[in-house]
Amino acid sequence: MQRLVSPYKPPRVRPLDAAIAILRLLRDPQDTTQVFRLTDALRGSSGVKPYQRFRESPVGARIIAERRHLINALADRAALAKLPDNSVGRRYLAFMAEENLTAEGLAEISSDAIASLANREEGARIFATRMRDMHDLYHVLAGYGRDELGEVCVLAFSYPQQKIRSFAVIATLVRLRIGQLLRQSKLKISGVAEAVREAALHGSQADWLPGEDLELLLAEDVDVVRARLGIAPPTRYQAVLKQIAARTGAKVTTFSALRAQMVARQNDEREHCP
């Protein structure tokens, strides 16, 4: 197959826009809009090689030829509900319902970043939206929750797979922010950095997920898929959550909420001290 010759001039990296997005993301690590703004600001030519790999793969070539969009399968909740109990699709459906998320919602908050690709060929736009829509599938397949550490681990896992610059930046900065939140909570929790490093290692060791026929994969048993694609369990991430549960008796929803809870508990204890 003929190698890709990009017909457009790659956008310049925009450091100021990137810095603004980083500051906003550090204030609220779950502000997904800033992830897409940072990704757009740091994109440059970084997406060309992953797209070329996708375009030249049998699955990617077929998806482009069919003009297939992953969101159509992920947004069809009635079809997902008919899949077997432990299938990837059913686990994805349960994850999205539990977190009050939709595939369409992710597409909406990324609309500005995707619009910046208007001058790219259609295949490149299909690839870009596919990478976006894969995000919550990475949560399901790699086994990470939507707390801040889970999000950082998903980005660390995704970076070796997609080579998106912002993922490496966010994984580093938000990991430091999590450490700060834990110190403010006065919780001695170990293993945060190790969990992020493990996620990056697992992402580098797993098969290349963008090259998989994800629409077909939705019907497969999730444990079988993980074994086939070489996706190892997130043991260090789970160990961090177990430490927090043992010390607080609470399930982590977000580390920001955990800090608020622990600070309130400490203030209450001080007020009741004789």
C-alpha atoms as a PDB file:
ATOM      1  CA  MET A   1       0.000   0.000   0.000  1.00  0.00           C
ATOM      2  CA  GLN A   2       1.211   3.475  -0.800  1.00  0.00           C
ATOM      3  CA  ARG A   3       2.587   5.260   2.237  1.00  0.00           C
ATOM      4  CA  LEU A   4       0.778   8.252   3.606  1.00  0.00           C
ATOM      5  CA  VAL A   5       1.791  11.624   2.266  1.00  0.00           C
ATOM      6  CA  SER A   6       0.110  14.254   4.416  1.00  0.00           C
ATOM      7  CA  PRO A   7      -1.580  16.821   2.195  1.00  0.00           C
ATOM      8  CA  TYR A   8      -1.718  19.426   4.906  1.00  0.00           C
ATOM      9  CA  LYS A   9       0.702  21.428   7.009  1.00  0.00           C
ATOM     10  CA  PRO A  10       0.659  20.121  10.599  1.00  0.00           C
ATOM     11  CA  PRO A  11      -0.621  22.689  13.101  1.00  0.00           C
ATOM     12  CA  ARG A  12       1.917  24.423  15.284  1.00  0.00           C
ATOM     13  CA  VAL A  13       2.116  23.560  18.953  1.00  0.00           C
ATOM     14  CA  ARG A  14       0.412  26.281  21.043  1.00  0.00           C
ATOM     15  CA  PRO A  15       2.220  26.472  24.413  1.00  0.00           C
ATOM     16  CA  LEU A  16       0.010  29.221  25.893  1.00  0.00           C
ATOM     17  CA  ASP A  17      -3.223  27.340  25.144  1.00  0.00           C
ATOM     18  CA  ALA A  18      -1.615  24.193  26.551  1.00  0.00           C
ATOM     19  CA  ALA A  19      -0.621  25.986  29.765  1.00  0.00           C
ATOM     20  CA  ILE A  20      -4.148  27.343  30.273  1.00  0.00           C
ATOM     21  CA  ALA A  21      -5.642  23.878  29.792  1.00  0.00           C
ATOM     22  CA  ILE A  22      -3.122  22.379  32.224  1.00  0.00           C
ATOM     23  CA  LEU A  23      -3.939  24.932  34.936  1.00  0.00           C
ATOM     24  CA  ARG A  24      -7.665  24.308  34.554  1.00  0.00           C
ATOM     25  CA  LEU A  25      -7.132  20.552  34.576  1.00  0.00           C
ATOM     26  CA  LEU A  26      -5.070  20.703  37.757  1.00  0.00           C
ATOM     27  CA  ARG A  27      -7.915  22.613  39.430  1.00  0.00           C
ATOM     28  CA  ASP A  28     -10.364  19.927  38.305  1.00  0.00           C
ATOM     29  CA  PRO A  29      -8.658  16.704  37.154  1.00  0.00           C
ATOM     30  CA  GLN A  30     -11.986  15.348  35.879  1.00  0.00           C
ATOM     31  CA  ASP A  31     -12.589  18.248  33.480  1.00  0.00           C
ATOM     32  CA  THR A  32     -12.409  16.190  30.296  1.00  0.00           C
ATOM     33  CA  THR A  33     -12.889  19.264  28.123  1.00  0.00           C
ATOM     34  CA  GLN A  34      -9.411  20.450  29.124  1.00  0.00           C
ATOM     35  CA  VAL A  35      -7.932  17.089  28.094  1.00  0.00           C
ATOM     36  CA  PHE A  36      -9.176  17.642  24.548  1.00  0.00           C
ATOM     37  CA  ARG A  37      -8.052  21.286  24.528  1.00  0.00           C
ATOM     38  CA  LEU A  38      -4.588  20.280  25.700  1.00  0.00           C
ATOM     39  CA  THR A  39      -4.464  17.491  23.132  1.00  0.00           C
ATOM     40  CA  ASP A  40      -5.363  19.922  20.365  1.00  0.00           C
ATOM     41  CA  ALA A  41      -2.792  22.482  21.561  1.00  0.00           C
ATOM     42  CA  LEU A  42       0.037  19.912  21.673  1.00  0.00           C
ATOM     43  CA  ARG A  43      -0.922  17.863  18.611  1.00  0.00           C
ATOM     44  CA  GLY A  44       1.520  19.210  16.013  1.00  0.00           C
ATOM     45  CA  SER A  45       2.495  16.323  13.738  1.00  0.00           C
ATOM     46  CA  SER A  46       2.291  13.691  16.492  1.00  0.00           C
ATOM     47  CA  GLY A  47      -0.802  12.021  15.053  1.00  0.00           C
ATOM     48  CA  VAL A  48       0.607  11.323  11.592  1.00  0.00           C
ATOM     49  CA  LYS A  49       2.516   8.091  12.346  1.00  0.00           C
ATOM     50  CA  PRO A  50      -0.278   6.417  14.384  1.00  0.00           C
ATOM     51  CA  TYR A  51      -2.746   7.258  11.628  1.00  0.00           C
ATOM     52  CA  GLN A  52      -0.381   5.876   9.013  1.00  0.00           C
ATOM     53  CA  ARG A  53      -0.114   2.642  10.980  1.00  0.00           C
ATOM     54  CA  PHE A  54      -3.909   2.438  11.238  1.00  0.00           C
ATOM     55  CA  ARG A  55      -4.433   3.290   7.570  1.00  0.00           C
ATOM     56  CA  GLU A  56      -2.028   0.583   6.439  1.00  0.00           C
ATOM     57  CA  SER A  57      -3.422  -2.133   8.732  1.00  0.00           C
ATOM     58  CA  PRO A  58      -6.069  -4.533   7.324  1.00  0.00           C
ATOM     59  CA  VAL A  59      -8.641  -3.532   9.949  1.00  0.00           C
ATOM     60  CA  GLY A  60      -7.947   0.198   9.594  1.00  0.00           C
ATOM     61  CA  ALA A  61      -8.139   0.094   5.802  1.00  0.00           C
ATOM     62  CA  ARG A  62     -11.498  -1.698   6.025  1.00  0.00           C
ATOM     63  CA  ILE A  63     -12.879   0.780   8.594  1.00  0.00           C
ATOM     64  CA  ILE A  64     -11.865   3.740   6.436  1.00  0.00           C
ATOM     65  CA  ALA A  65     -13.317   2.145   3.298  1.00  0.00           C
ATOM     66  CA  GLU A  66     -16.595   1.491   5.125  1.00  0.00           C
ATOM     67  CA  ARG A  67     -16.552   5.012   6.641  1.00  0.00           C
ATOM     68  CA  ARG A  68     -17.281   3.304   9.926  1.00  0.00           C
ATOM     69  CA  HIS A  69     -17.556   5.295  13.166  1.00  0.00           C
ATOM     70  CA  LEU A  70     -17.124   3.556  16.514  1.00  0.00           C
ATOM     71  CA  ILE A  71     -19.575   5.869  18.253  1.00  0.00           C
ATOM     72  CA  ASN A  72     -22.452   4.322  16.319  1.00  0.00           C
ATOM     73  CA  ALA A  73     -21.851   0.980  18.052  1.00  0.00           C
ATOM     74  CA  LEU A  74     -21.105   2.502  21.462  1.00  0.00           C
ATOM     75  CA  ALA A  75     -24.206   4.701  21.437  1.00  0.00           C
ATOM     76  CA  ASP A  76     -26.549   1.829  20.528  1.00  0.00           C
ATOM     77  CA  ARG A  77     -27.440   0.966  24.110  1.00  0.00           C
ATOM     78  CA  ALA A  78     -30.301  -1.355  23.091  1.00  0.00           C
ATOM     79  CA  ALA A  79     -27.907  -3.503  21.038  1.00  0.00           C
ATOM     80  CA  LEU A  80     -25.274  -3.483  23.792  1.00  0.00           C
ATOM     81  CA  ALA A  81     -27.878  -4.635  26.322  1.00  0.00           C
ATOM     82  CA  LYS A  82     -28.551  -7.757  24.230  1.00  0.00           C
ATOM     83  CA  LEU A  83     -24.922  -8.899  24.360  1.00  0.00           C
ATOM     84  CA  PRO A  84     -23.767 -11.674  26.767  1.00  0.00           C
ATOM     85  CA  ASP A  85     -23.401 -10.747  30.442  1.00  0.00           C
ATOM     86  CA  ASN A  86     -19.587 -10.602  30.658  1.00  0.00           C
ATOM     87  CA  SER A  87     -19.030  -9.277  27.159  1.00  0.00           C
ATOM     88  CA  VAL A  88     -16.989  -6.146  26.566  1.00  0.00           C
ATOM     89  CA  GLY A  89     -20.120  -4.372  25.348  1.00  0.00           C
ATOM     90  CA  ARG A  90     -22.176  -5.208  28.426  1.00  0.00           C
ATOM     91  CA  ARG A  91     -19.325  -4.230  30.746  1.00  0.00           C
ATOM     92  CA  TYR A  92     -18.950  -0.972  28.812  1.00  0.00           C
ATOM     93  CA  LEU A  93     -22.705  -0.319  29.081  1.00  0.00           C
ATOM     94  CA  ALA A  94     -22.638  -0.934  32.852  1.00  0.00           C
ATOM     95  CA  PHE A  95     -19.572   1.283  33.292  1.00  0.00           C
ATOM     96  CA  MET A  96     -21.175   4.168  31.399  1.00  0.00           C
ATOM     97  CA  ALA A  97     -24.458   3.844  33.313  1.00  0.00           C
ATOM     98  CA  GLU A  98     -22.699   3.718  36.693  1.00  0.00           C
ATOM     99  CA  GLU A  99     -20.665   6.814  35.849  1.00  0.00           C
ATOM    100  CA  ASN A 100     -23.634   8.613  34.227  1.00  0.00           C
ATOM    101  CA  LEU A 101     -21.754   8.931  30.936  1.00  0.00           C
ATOM    102  CA  THR A 102     -22.686   8.564  27.285  1.00  0.00           C
ATOM    103  CA  ALA A 103     -20.611   8.137  24.138  1.00  0.00           C
ATOM    104  CA  GLU A 104     -22.451  11.121  22.698  1.00  0.00           C
ATOM    105  CA  GLY A 105     -21.439  13.275  25.662  1.00  0.00           C
ATOM    106  CA  LEU A 106     -17.760  12.586  25.080  1.00  0.00           C
ATOM    107  CA  ALA A 107     -18.196  13.488  21.415  1.00  0.00           C
ATOM    108  CA  GLU A 108     -19.888  16.752  22.342  1.00  0.00           C
ATOM    109  CA  ILE A 109     -17.169  18.013  24.675  1.00  0.00           C
ATOM    110  CA  SER A 110     -14.488  17.179  22.102  1.00  0.00           C
ATOM    111  CA  SER A 111     -16.251  18.892  19.204  1.00  0.00           C
ATOM    112  CA  ASP A 112     -13.855  21.863  19.017  1.00  0.00           C
ATOM    113  CA  ALA A 113     -10.771  19.636  18.919  1.00  0.00           C
ATOM    114  CA  ILE A 114     -12.271  17.408  16.232  1.00  0.00           C
ATOM    115  CA  ALA A 115     -13.342  20.445  14.205  1.00  0.00           C
ATOM    116  CA  SER A 116      -9.689  21.485  14.011  1.00  0.00           C
ATOM    117  CA  LEU A 117      -9.123  18.414  11.802  1.00  0.00           C
ATOM    118  CA  ALA A 118     -11.466  19.681   9.100  1.00  0.00           C
ATOM    119  CA  ASN A 119      -8.617  20.071   6.590  1.00  0.00           C
ATOM    120  CA  ARG A 120      -7.493  16.447   7.024  1.00  0.00           C
ATOM    121  CA  GLU A 121      -8.528  13.608   4.759  1.00  0.00           C
ATOM    122  CA  GLU A 122     -11.629  11.693   5.800  1.00  0.00           C
ATOM    123  CA  GLY A 123      -9.661   8.673   7.005  1.00  0.00           C
ATOM    124  CA  ALA A 124      -7.687  10.840   9.432  1.00  0.00           C
ATOM    125  CA  ARG A 125     -10.900  12.248  10.877  1.00  0.00           C
ATOM    126  CA  ILE A 126     -12.334   8.740  11.264  1.00  0.00           C
ATOM    127  CA  PHE A 127      -9.157   7.678  13.074  1.00  0.00           C
ATOM    128  CA  ALA A 128      -9.213  10.728  15.369  1.00  0.00           C
ATOM    129  CA  THR A 129     -12.821  10.210  16.428  1.00  0.00           C
ATOM    130  CA  ARG A 130     -12.132   6.508  16.915  1.00  0.00           C
ATOM    131  CA  MET A 131      -9.282   7.299  19.301  1.00  0.00           C
ATOM    132  CA  ARG A 132     -11.601   9.637  21.192  1.00  0.00           C
ATOM    133  CA  ASP A 133     -14.402   7.078  21.409  1.00  0.00           C
ATOM    134  CA  MET A 134     -11.996   4.374  22.615  1.00  0.00           C
ATOM    135  CA  HIS A 135     -11.281   6.221  25.865  1.00  0.00           C
ATOM    136  CA  ASP A 136     -13.973   4.578  27.979  1.00  0.00           C
ATOM    137  CA  LEU A 137     -13.289   1.209  26.352  1.00  0.00           C
ATOM    138  CA  TYR A 138      -9.748   1.559  27.705  1.00  0.00           C
ATOM    139  CA  HIS A 139     -11.281   1.998  31.174  1.00  0.00           C
ATOM    140  CA  VAL A 140     -13.220  -1.240  30.764  1.00  0.00           C
ATOM    141  CA  LEU A 141     -10.487  -3.314  29.146  1.00  0.00           C
ATOM    142  CA  ALA A 142      -7.610  -2.115  31.324  1.00  0.00           C
ATOM    143  CA  GLY A 143      -9.683  -2.174  34.522  1.00  0.00           C
ATOM    144  CA  TYR A 144      -9.381   1.425  35.737  1.00  0.00           C
ATOM    145  CA  GLY A 145     -12.103   3.482  37.433  1.00  0.00           C
ATOM    146  CA  ARG A 146     -12.992   7.127  36.871  1.00  0.00           C
ATOM    147  CA  ASP A 147     -11.329   8.500  39.996  1.00  0.00           C
ATOM    148  CA  GLU A 148      -8.368  10.774  39.242  1.00  0.00           C
ATOM    149  CA  LEU A 149      -5.840   7.961  39.580  1.00  0.00           C
ATOM    150  CA  GLY A 150      -7.925   5.743  37.315  1.00  0.00           C
ATOM    151  CA  GLU A 151      -8.049   8.484  34.675  1.00  0.00           C
ATOM    152  CA  VAL A 152      -4.296   9.069  34.930  1.00  0.00           C
ATOM    153  CA  CYS A 153      -3.650   5.348  34.581  1.00  0.00           C
ATOM    154  CA  VAL A 154      -5.860   5.132  31.502  1.00  0.00           C
ATOM    155  CA  LEU A 155      -3.887   7.972  29.907  1.00  0.00           C
ATOM    156  CA  ALA A 156      -0.596   6.329  30.896  1.00  0.00           C
ATOM    157  CA  PHE A 157      -1.835   3.052  29.367  1.00  0.00           C
ATOM    158  CA  SER A 158      -3.046   4.864  26.242  1.00  0.00           C
ATOM    159  CA  TYR A 159       0.111   6.870  25.584  1.00  0.00           C
ATOM    160  CA  PRO A 160       2.231   3.957  24.257  1.00  0.00           C
ATOM    161  CA  GLN A 161      -0.772   2.938  22.182  1.00  0.00           C
ATOM    162  CA  GLN A 162      -1.717   6.306  20.660  1.00  0.00           C
ATOM    163  CA  LYS A 163       1.371   8.519  21.151  1.00  0.00           C
ATOM    164  CA  ILE A 164      -0.772  11.525  22.069  1.00  0.00           C
ATOM    165  CA  ARG A 165       1.568  14.048  23.725  1.00  0.00           C
ATOM    166  CA  SER A 166      -0.991  15.460  26.119  1.00  0.00           C
ATOM    167  CA  PHE A 167      -1.538  12.028  27.675  1.00  0.00           C
ATOM    168  CA  ALA A 168       2.048  11.897  28.934  1.00  0.00           C
ATOM    169  CA  VAL A 169       1.853  15.479  30.223  1.00  0.00           C
ATOM    170  CA  ILE A 170      -1.445  14.915  32.040  1.00  0.00           C
ATOM    171  CA  ALA A 171      -0.355  11.592  33.528  1.00  0.00           C
ATOM    172  CA  THR A 172       2.701  13.248  35.059  1.00  0.00           C
ATOM    173  CA  LEU A 173       1.046  16.431  36.359  1.00  0.00           C
ATOM    174  CA  VAL A 174      -2.155  14.915  37.708  1.00  0.00           C
ATOM    175  CA  ARG A 175      -0.160  12.162  39.436  1.00  0.00           C
ATOM    176  CA  LEU A 176       1.614  14.946  41.355  1.00  0.00           C
ATOM    177  CA  ARG A 177      -1.738  16.569  42.089  1.00  0.00           C
ATOM    178  CA  ILE A 178      -3.056  13.293  43.503  1.00  0.00           C
ATOM    179  CA  GLY A 179      -0.057  13.132  45.819  1.00  0.00           C
ATOM    180  CA  GLN A 180      -0.876  16.638  46.999  1.00  0.00           C
ATOM    181  CA  LEU A 181      -4.521  15.730  47.641  1.00  0.00           C
ATOM    182  CA  LEU A 182      -3.492  12.686  49.673  1.00  0.00           C
ATOM    183  CA  ARG A 183      -1.076  14.754  51.774  1.00  0.00           C
ATOM    184  CA  GLN A 184      -3.818  17.311  52.406  1.00  0.00           C
ATOM    185  CA  SER A 185      -6.057  14.419  53.467  1.00  0.00           C
ATOM    186  CA  LYS A 186      -3.318  13.359  55.907  1.00  0.00           C
ATOM    187  CA  LEU A 187      -3.462   9.849  54.474  1.00  0.00           C
ATOM    188  CA  LYS A 188      -0.247   7.871  54.181  1.00  0.00           C
ATOM    189  CA  ILE A 189      -0.927   6.040  50.921  1.00  0.00           C
ATOM    190  CA  SER A 190       1.870   4.455  48.918  1.00  0.00           C
ATOM    191  CA  GLY A 191       2.021   3.208  45.351  1.00  0.00           C
ATOM    192  CA  VAL A 192       0.486   6.038  43.319  1.00  0.00           C
ATOM    193  CA  ALA A 193       3.536   6.562  41.109  1.00  0.00           C
ATOM    194  CA  GLU A 194       4.004   2.804  40.821  1.00  0.00           C
ATOM    195  CA  ALA A 195       0.387   2.413  39.656  1.00  0.00           C
ATOM    196  CA  VAL A 196       0.923   4.951  36.875  1.00  0.00           C
ATOM    197  CA  ARG A 197       4.198   3.320  35.802  1.00  0.00           C
ATOM    198  CA  GLU A 198       2.518  -0.081  35.770  1.00  0.00           C
ATOM    199  CA  ALA A 199      -0.269   1.294  33.553  1.00  0.00           C
ATOM    200  CA  ALA A 200       2.278   2.641  31.057  1.00  0.00           C
ATOM    201  CA  LEU A 201       4.061  -0.709  31.053  1.00  0.00           C
ATOM    202  CA  HIS A 202       0.809  -2.584  30.470  1.00  0.00           C
ATOM    203  CA  GLY A 203      -0.071  -0.266  27.597  1.00  0.00           C
ATOM    204  CA  SER A 204       3.289  -0.865  25.957  1.00  0.00           C
ATOM    205  CA  GLN A 205       3.052  -4.642  26.386  1.00  0.00           C
ATOM    206  CA  ALA A 206      -0.546  -5.046  25.164  1.00  0.00           C
ATOM    207  CA  ASP A 207      -1.485  -5.536  21.537  1.00  0.00           C
ATOM    208  CA  TRP A 208      -2.212  -2.357  19.587  1.00  0.00           C
ATOM    209  CA  LEU A 209      -5.888  -1.727  20.366  1.00  0.00           C
ATOM    210  CA  PRO A 210      -6.481   0.889  17.624  1.00  0.00           C
ATOM    211  CA  GLY A 211      -5.762  -1.884  15.128  1.00  0.00           C
ATOM    212  CA  GLU A 212      -8.490  -4.139  16.531  1.00  0.00           C
ATOM    213  CA  ASP A 213     -11.994  -4.432  15.090  1.00  0.00           C
ATOM    214  CA  LEU A 214     -13.574  -2.981  18.207  1.00  0.00           C
ATOM    215  CA  GLU A 215     -17.151  -3.281  16.967  1.00  0.00           C
ATOM    216  CA  LEU A 216     -16.731  -7.075  16.744  1.00  0.00           C
ATOM    217  CA  LEU A 217     -14.789  -7.172  20.004  1.00  0.00           C
ATOM    218  CA  LEU A 218     -17.811  -5.773  21.903  1.00  0.00           C
ATOM    219  CA  ALA A 219     -19.542  -9.157  21.732  1.00  0.00           C
ATOM    220  CA  GLU A 220     -16.567 -11.098  23.140  1.00  0.00           C
ATOM    221  CA  ASP A 221     -16.059 -12.096  26.776  1.00  0.00           C
ATOM    222  CA  VAL A 222     -13.987  -9.379  28.454  1.00  0.00           C
ATOM    223  CA  ASP A 223     -11.667 -11.842  30.219  1.00  0.00           C
ATOM    224  CA  VAL A 224     -10.989 -13.666  26.951  1.00  0.00           C
ATOM    225  CA  VAL A 225     -10.262 -10.346  25.211  1.00  0.00           C
ATOM    226  CA  ARG A 226      -7.858  -9.235  27.938  1.00  0.00           C
ATOM    227  CA  ALA A 227      -5.966 -12.523  27.703  1.00  0.00           C
ATOM    228  CA  ARG A 228      -5.848 -12.450  23.904  1.00  0.00           C
ATOM    229  CA  LEU A 229      -4.644  -8.830  23.751  1.00  0.00           C
ATOM    230  CA  GLY A 230      -2.155  -9.211  26.581  1.00  0.00           C
ATOM    231  CA  ILE A 231      -3.821  -6.717  28.941  1.00  0.00           C
ATOM    232  CA  ALA A 232      -2.545  -7.439  32.460  1.00  0.00           C
ATOM    233  CA  PRO A 233      -4.626  -6.674  35.602  1.00  0.00           C
ATOM    234  CA  PRO A 234      -4.014  -3.278  37.264  1.00  0.00           C
ATOM    235  CA  THR A 235      -2.726  -4.719  40.527  1.00  0.00           C
ATOM    236  CA  ARG A 236      -0.906  -1.612  41.775  1.00  0.00           C
ATOM    237  CA  TYR A 237      -3.898   0.647  41.080  1.00  0.00           C
ATOM    238  CA  GLN A 238      -6.166  -1.767  42.940  1.00  0.00           C
ATOM    239  CA  ALA A 239      -3.685  -1.857  45.822  1.00  0.00           C
ATOM    240  CA  VAL A 240      -3.896   1.938  46.204  1.00  0.00           C
ATOM    241  CA  LEU A 241      -7.702   1.832  46.341  1.00  0.00           C
ATOM    242  CA  LYS A 242      -7.578  -0.989  48.913  1.00  0.00           C
ATOM    243  CA  GLN A 243      -5.249   1.066  51.121  1.00  0.00           C
ATOM    244  CA  ILE A 244      -7.632   4.012  51.015  1.00  0.00           C
ATOM    245  CA  ALA A 245     -10.659   1.831  51.770  1.00  0.00           C
ATOM    246  CA  ALA A 246      -8.826   0.241  54.720  1.00  0.00           C
ATOM    247  CA  ARG A 247      -7.904   3.636  56.189  1.00  0.00           C
ATOM    248  CA  THR A 248     -11.162   5.488  55.528  1.00  0.00           C
ATOM    249  CA  GLY A 249     -13.843   2.842  55.169  1.00  0.00           C
ATOM    250  CA  ALA A 250     -14.934   4.574  51.980  1.00  0.00           C
ATOM    251  CA  LYS A 251     -14.835   3.802  48.281  1.00  0.00           C
ATOM    252  CA  VAL A 252     -12.919   6.390  46.283  1.00  0.00           C
ATOM    253  CA  THR A 253     -15.099   8.332  43.880  1.00  0.00           C
ATOM    254  CA  THR A 254     -12.658  11.208  43.396  1.00  0.00           C
ATOM    255  CA  PHE A 255      -9.552  12.143  45.340  1.00  0.00           C
ATOM    256  CA  SER A 256     -10.880  15.697  45.605  1.00  0.00           C
ATOM    257  CA  ALA A 257     -14.000  14.384  47.349  1.00  0.00           C
ATOM    258  CA  LEU A 258     -11.817  12.168  49.531  1.00  0.00           C
ATOM    259  CA  ARG A 259      -9.777  15.188  50.644  1.00  0.00           C
ATOM    260  CA  ALA A 260     -12.942  17.131  51.492  1.00  0.00           C
ATOM    261  CA  GLN A 261     -14.294  14.159  53.428  1.00  0.00           C
ATOM    262  CA  MET A 262     -11.092  13.660  55.400  1.00  0.00           C
ATOM    263  CA  VAL A 263     -10.683  17.372  56.183  1.00  0.00           C
ATOM    264  CA  ALA A 264     -14.288  17.521  57.414  1.00  0.00           C
ATOM    265  CA  ARG A 265     -13.702  14.426  59.572  1.00  0.00           C
ATOM    266  CA  GLN A 266     -10.528  15.933  61.053  1.00  0.00           C
ATOM    267  CA  ASN A 267     -12.316  19.231  61.815  1.00  0.00           C
ATOM    268  CA  ASP A 268     -15.169  17.351  63.465  1.00  0.00           C
ATOM    269  CA  GLU A 269     -12.735  15.381  65.603  1.00  0.00           C
ATOM    270  CA  ARG A 270     -11.013  18.597  66.726  1.00  0.00           C
ATOM    271  CA  GLU A 271     -14.338  20.186  67.660  1.00  0.00           C
ATOM    272  CA  HIS A 272     -15.238  17.200  69.848  1.00  0.00           C
ATOM    273  CA  CYS A 273     -11.891  16.925  71.547  1.00  0.00           C
ATOM    274  CA  PRO A 274     -12.162  17.811  75.306  1.00  0.00           C
END
